[in-house]
Amino acid sequence: MQSLGELLSRGLHLPFPGPVIGILLMVLALRWPVVRAPVAACAGFLLSHLSLLFVPVGVGVMTHLGLLDQYGVRMLAVIVLSTWVGLAVTALVVRAMSGSHDA
């Protein structure tokens, strides 16, 4: 669906990104039972095994507990600071692109 959305976005010169159009197409397609059933089966399988995706992260943290103990506070500070900087930059870009300069 993302590829179809990308094709429509570029081919019709739409002002929306292809993935957004692809998601909208997927939402529309999910209204049909012929599409909903296989997607539900696949989603159920993936959700039932979702916890497996957290195993590598957990093993990595357990393997490097010494580093986490040594640099944990610094890492947390960097994560929090970079998150706030990212949010601020995003807000400034959105405000600049929307033409709104109100505080």
N, C-alpha and C. Protein backbone atom coordinates (compact mmCIF):
# COMPACT_ATOMS: atom_id res chain seq x y z
N MET A 1 0.81 -1.18 0.00
CA MET A 1 0.00 0.00 0.00
C MET A 1 0.87 1.26 0.00
N GLN A 2 2.01 1.19 0.67
CA GLN A 2 2.88 2.36 0.69
C GLN A 2 3.38 2.67 -0.71
N SER A 3 3.74 1.64 -1.47
CA SER A 3 4.22 1.86 -2.83
C SER A 3 3.13 2.46 -3.70
N LEU A 4 1.91 1.97 -3.54
CA LEU A 4 0.79 2.52 -4.30
C LEU A 4 0.54 3.97 -3.90
N GLY A 5 0.62 4.25 -2.63
CA GLY A 5 0.48 5.63 -2.16
C GLY A 5 1.58 6.53 -2.71
N GLU A 6 2.79 6.01 -2.75
CA GLU A 6 3.91 6.77 -3.31
C GLU A 6 3.70 7.03 -4.79
N LEU A 7 3.23 6.03 -5.50
CA LEU A 7 2.94 6.17 -6.93
C LEU A 7 1.86 7.23 -7.16
N LEU A 8 0.80 7.17 -6.37
CA LEU A 8 -0.27 8.17 -6.51
C LEU A 8 0.22 9.57 -6.14
N SER A 9 1.00 9.66 -5.08
CA SER A 9 1.50 10.96 -4.64
C SER A 9 2.37 11.61 -5.70
N ARG A 10 3.27 10.84 -6.27
CA ARG A 10 4.18 11.39 -7.28
C ARG A 10 3.49 11.56 -8.63
N GLY A 11 2.69 10.57 -9.01
CA GLY A 11 2.04 10.61 -10.31
C GLY A 11 1.00 11.70 -10.44
N LEU A 12 0.26 11.94 -9.35
CA LEU A 12 -0.80 12.95 -9.38
C LEU A 12 -0.35 14.28 -8.76
N HIS A 13 0.93 14.35 -8.36
CA HIS A 13 1.51 15.55 -7.75
C HIS A 13 0.67 16.01 -6.55
N LEU A 14 0.35 15.06 -5.68
CA LEU A 14 -0.45 15.36 -4.50
C LEU A 14 0.44 15.97 -3.41
N PRO A 15 -0.12 16.83 -2.57
CA PRO A 15 0.69 17.48 -1.53
C PRO A 15 0.90 16.61 -0.28
N PHE A 16 0.57 15.32 -0.36
CA PHE A 16 0.71 14.42 0.78
C PHE A 16 1.80 13.40 0.50
N PRO A 17 2.54 12.98 1.51
CA PRO A 17 3.55 11.94 1.31
C PRO A 17 2.91 10.60 0.96
N GLY A 18 3.63 9.80 0.20
CA GLY A 18 3.14 8.50 -0.21
C GLY A 18 2.72 7.60 0.94
N PRO A 19 3.51 7.52 2.03
CA PRO A 19 3.10 6.67 3.14
C PRO A 19 1.77 7.08 3.77
N VAL A 20 1.48 8.37 3.81
CA VAL A 20 0.19 8.83 4.36
C VAL A 20 -0.94 8.36 3.46
N ILE A 21 -0.77 8.50 2.16
CA ILE A 21 -1.78 8.04 1.22
C ILE A 21 -1.92 6.52 1.32
N GLY A 22 -0.79 5.82 1.48
CA GLY A 22 -0.83 4.38 1.63
C GLY A 22 -1.61 3.93 2.85
N ILE A 23 -1.44 4.64 3.96
CA ILE A 23 -2.20 4.31 5.18
C ILE A 23 -3.68 4.53 4.96
N LEU A 24 -4.02 5.64 4.30
CA LEU A 24 -5.44 5.89 4.01
C LEU A 24 -6.02 4.81 3.11
N LEU A 25 -5.24 4.37 2.12
CA LEU A 25 -5.70 3.28 1.25
C LEU A 25 -5.88 1.99 2.05
N MET A 26 -4.97 1.74 2.99
CA MET A 26 -5.07 0.54 3.81
C MET A 26 -6.31 0.58 4.70
N VAL A 27 -6.59 1.74 5.27
CA VAL A 27 -7.79 1.88 6.11
C VAL A 27 -9.04 1.62 5.27
N LEU A 28 -9.06 2.15 4.06
CA LEU A 28 -10.20 1.90 3.18
C LEU A 28 -10.29 0.43 2.79
N ALA A 29 -9.14 -0.18 2.50
CA ALA A 29 -9.13 -1.59 2.09
C ALA A 29 -9.57 -2.51 3.23
N LEU A 30 -9.31 -2.12 4.47
CA LEU A 30 -9.68 -2.96 5.61
C LEU A 30 -11.19 -3.02 5.83
N ARG A 31 -11.93 -2.23 5.11
CA ARG A 31 -13.38 -2.30 5.21
C ARG A 31 -13.92 -3.54 4.50
N TRP A 32 -13.15 -4.11 3.57
CA TRP A 32 -13.57 -5.31 2.84
C TRP A 32 -13.13 -6.55 3.60
N PRO A 33 -14.04 -7.48 3.83
CA PRO A 33 -13.69 -8.71 4.55
C PRO A 33 -12.59 -9.52 3.86
N VAL A 34 -12.54 -9.46 2.53
CA VAL A 34 -11.52 -10.23 1.82
C VAL A 34 -10.11 -9.72 2.14
N VAL A 35 -9.99 -8.46 2.53
CA VAL A 35 -8.70 -7.90 2.94
C VAL A 35 -8.53 -8.02 4.45
N ARG A 36 -9.61 -7.79 5.19
CA ARG A 36 -9.55 -7.76 6.65
C ARG A 36 -9.10 -9.10 7.24
N ALA A 37 -9.60 -10.21 6.71
CA ALA A 37 -9.29 -11.52 7.30
C ALA A 37 -7.80 -11.86 7.23
N PRO A 38 -7.15 -11.76 6.06
CA PRO A 38 -5.71 -12.07 6.05
C PRO A 38 -4.87 -11.10 6.87
N VAL A 39 -5.26 -9.82 6.86
CA VAL A 39 -4.51 -8.84 7.65
C VAL A 39 -4.67 -9.13 9.14
N ALA A 40 -5.87 -9.51 9.56
CA ALA A 40 -6.11 -9.85 10.96
C ALA A 40 -5.29 -11.07 11.38
N ALA A 41 -5.21 -12.05 10.49
CA ALA A 41 -4.43 -13.25 10.81
C ALA A 41 -2.95 -12.91 10.96
N CYS A 42 -2.43 -12.12 10.05
CA CYS A 42 -1.03 -11.73 10.10
C CYS A 42 -0.76 -10.85 11.32
N ALA A 43 -1.65 -9.90 11.60
CA ALA A 43 -1.48 -9.02 12.76
C ALA A 43 -1.54 -9.81 14.05
N GLY A 44 -2.43 -10.79 14.11
CA GLY A 44 -2.51 -11.62 15.31
C GLY A 44 -1.23 -12.38 15.57
N PHE A 45 -0.65 -12.94 14.49
CA PHE A 45 0.62 -13.66 14.61
C PHE A 45 1.72 -12.73 15.10
N LEU A 46 1.82 -11.56 14.48
CA LEU A 46 2.88 -10.62 14.86
C LEU A 46 2.70 -10.12 16.30
N LEU A 47 1.48 -9.83 16.69
CA LEU A 47 1.24 -9.35 18.06
C LEU A 47 1.50 -10.44 19.09
N SER A 48 1.23 -11.68 18.74
CA SER A 48 1.48 -12.76 19.70
C SER A 48 2.97 -13.00 19.92
N HIS A 49 3.79 -12.57 18.98
CA HIS A 49 5.24 -12.73 19.11
C HIS A 49 5.96 -11.40 19.33
N LEU A 50 5.23 -10.37 19.68
CA LEU A 50 5.80 -9.04 19.87
C LEU A 50 6.87 -9.02 20.96
N SER A 51 6.69 -9.81 21.98
CA SER A 51 7.65 -9.81 23.09
C SER A 51 9.04 -10.25 22.64
N LEU A 52 9.12 -11.02 21.56
CA LEU A 52 10.43 -11.45 21.07
C LEU A 52 11.28 -10.28 20.61
N LEU A 53 10.66 -9.20 20.21
CA LEU A 53 11.42 -8.03 19.77
C LEU A 53 12.14 -7.35 20.92
N PHE A 54 11.70 -7.58 22.15
CA PHE A 54 12.32 -6.95 23.30
C PHE A 54 13.46 -7.78 23.88
N VAL A 55 13.61 -9.01 23.45
CA VAL A 55 14.67 -9.87 23.98
C VAL A 55 16.06 -9.32 23.65
N PRO A 56 16.36 -8.94 22.40
CA PRO A 56 17.71 -8.41 22.13
C PRO A 56 18.04 -7.17 22.94
N VAL A 57 17.08 -6.30 23.14
CA VAL A 57 17.31 -5.09 23.94
C VAL A 57 17.61 -5.47 25.39
N GLY A 58 16.84 -6.38 25.93
CA GLY A 58 17.06 -6.82 27.30
C GLY A 58 18.41 -7.49 27.48
N VAL A 59 18.79 -8.32 26.53
CA VAL A 59 20.10 -8.99 26.60
C VAL A 59 21.21 -7.95 26.50
N GLY A 60 21.03 -6.97 25.61
CA GLY A 60 22.04 -5.92 25.47
C GLY A 60 22.22 -5.12 26.75
N VAL A 61 21.12 -4.79 27.39
CA VAL A 61 21.20 -4.04 28.65
C VAL A 61 21.87 -4.89 29.72
N MET A 62 21.49 -6.15 29.81
CA MET A 62 22.09 -7.03 30.83
C MET A 62 23.58 -7.25 30.57
N THR A 63 23.96 -7.29 29.31
CA THR A 63 25.37 -7.50 28.96
C THR A 63 26.22 -6.29 29.35
N HIS A 64 25.64 -5.12 29.26
CA HIS A 64 26.41 -3.89 29.50
C HIS A 64 25.95 -3.15 30.75
N LEU A 65 25.60 -3.88 31.79
CA LEU A 65 25.16 -3.24 33.03
C LEU A 65 26.24 -2.35 33.63
N GLY A 66 27.50 -2.73 33.45
CA GLY A 66 28.60 -1.91 33.97
C GLY A 66 28.63 -0.54 33.31
N LEU A 67 28.44 -0.52 32.00
CA LEU A 67 28.40 0.76 31.29
C LEU A 67 27.19 1.58 31.70
N LEU A 68 26.07 0.90 31.90
CA LEU A 68 24.86 1.59 32.32
C LEU A 68 25.05 2.18 33.72
N ASP A 69 25.73 1.43 34.58
CA ASP A 69 26.00 1.93 35.94
C ASP A 69 26.94 3.13 35.90
N GLN A 70 27.94 3.06 35.00
CA GLN A 70 28.94 4.11 34.91
C GLN A 70 28.41 5.36 34.20
N TYR A 71 27.66 5.19 33.12
CA TYR A 71 27.23 6.32 32.30
C TYR A 71 25.72 6.52 32.27
N GLY A 72 24.99 5.83 33.12
CA GLY A 72 23.53 5.86 33.07
C GLY A 72 22.93 7.25 33.21
N VAL A 73 23.43 8.03 34.17
CA VAL A 73 22.88 9.37 34.39
C VAL A 73 23.18 10.26 33.19
N ARG A 74 24.39 10.15 32.65
CA ARG A 74 24.75 10.94 31.46
C ARG A 74 23.89 10.53 30.27
N MET A 75 23.70 9.23 30.10
CA MET A 75 22.88 8.76 28.98
C MET A 75 21.45 9.27 29.11
N LEU A 76 20.91 9.22 30.31
CA LEU A 76 19.55 9.72 30.53
C LEU A 76 19.47 11.22 30.24
N ALA A 77 20.49 11.96 30.66
CA ALA A 77 20.50 13.41 30.40
C ALA A 77 20.56 13.69 28.90
N VAL A 78 21.37 12.94 28.17
CA VAL A 78 21.47 13.13 26.72
C VAL A 78 20.16 12.77 26.05
N ILE A 79 19.52 11.70 26.48
CA ILE A 79 18.25 11.30 25.88
C ILE A 79 17.18 12.36 26.12
N VAL A 80 17.08 12.85 27.36
CA VAL A 80 16.07 13.87 27.68
C VAL A 80 16.36 15.16 26.92
N LEU A 81 17.61 15.60 26.93
CA LEU A 81 17.98 16.85 26.25
C LEU A 81 17.73 16.75 24.75
N SER A 82 18.16 15.65 24.13
CA SER A 82 17.98 15.53 22.68
C SER A 82 16.50 15.41 22.32
N THR A 83 15.70 14.81 23.18
CA THR A 83 14.26 14.75 22.93
C THR A 83 13.66 16.15 22.94
N TRP A 84 14.02 16.94 23.94
CA TRP A 84 13.50 18.31 24.02
C TRP A 84 13.98 19.18 22.87
N VAL A 85 15.24 19.01 22.47
CA VAL A 85 15.75 19.77 21.32
C VAL A 85 14.99 19.38 20.06
N GLY A 86 14.77 18.09 19.88
CA GLY A 86 14.01 17.63 18.71
C GLY A 86 12.60 18.17 18.69
N LEU A 87 11.94 18.17 19.85
CA LEU A 87 10.59 18.73 19.94
C LEU A 87 10.59 20.23 19.64
N ALA A 88 11.57 20.94 20.17
CA ALA A 88 11.63 22.39 19.95
C ALA A 88 11.88 22.71 18.48
N VAL A 89 12.81 22.01 17.86
CA VAL A 89 13.08 22.24 16.44
C VAL A 89 11.86 21.92 15.60
N THR A 90 11.19 20.82 15.91
CA THR A 90 9.98 20.47 15.18
C THR A 90 8.92 21.55 15.33
N ALA A 91 8.74 22.05 16.54
CA ALA A 91 7.75 23.11 16.76
C ALA A 91 8.11 24.37 15.98
N LEU A 92 9.38 24.73 15.95
CA LEU A 92 9.80 25.91 15.20
C LEU A 92 9.59 25.73 13.70
N VAL A 93 9.89 24.56 13.20
CA VAL A 93 9.69 24.29 11.77
C VAL A 93 8.22 24.33 11.41
N VAL A 94 7.39 23.71 12.24
CA VAL A 94 5.94 23.72 11.98
C VAL A 94 5.41 25.14 12.03
N ARG A 95 5.85 25.91 13.01
CA ARG A 95 5.39 27.30 13.11
C ARG A 95 5.85 28.12 11.91
N ALA A 96 7.09 27.91 11.47
CA ALA A 96 7.59 28.65 10.31
C ALA A 96 6.85 28.26 9.03
N MET A 97 6.56 26.98 8.89
CA MET A 97 5.88 26.52 7.67
C MET A 97 4.41 26.90 7.66
N SER A 98 3.81 27.04 8.82
CA SER A 98 2.39 27.38 8.86
C SER A 98 2.17 28.89 8.74
N GLY A 99 3.23 29.66 8.88
CA GLY A 99 3.11 31.10 8.76
C GLY A 99 2.65 31.77 10.03
N SER A 100 2.45 31.02 11.08
CA SER A 100 2.00 31.57 12.36
C SER A 100 3.21 31.98 13.18
N HIS A 101 3.21 33.22 13.64
CA HIS A 101 4.32 33.69 14.46
C HIS A 101 3.83 34.14 15.82
N ASP A 102 2.67 33.64 16.24
CA ASP A 102 2.15 33.96 17.58
C ASP A 102 2.91 33.16 18.62
N ALA A 103 3.03 33.70 19.80
CA ALA A 103 3.78 33.02 20.86
C ALA A 103 3.00 31.94 21.49
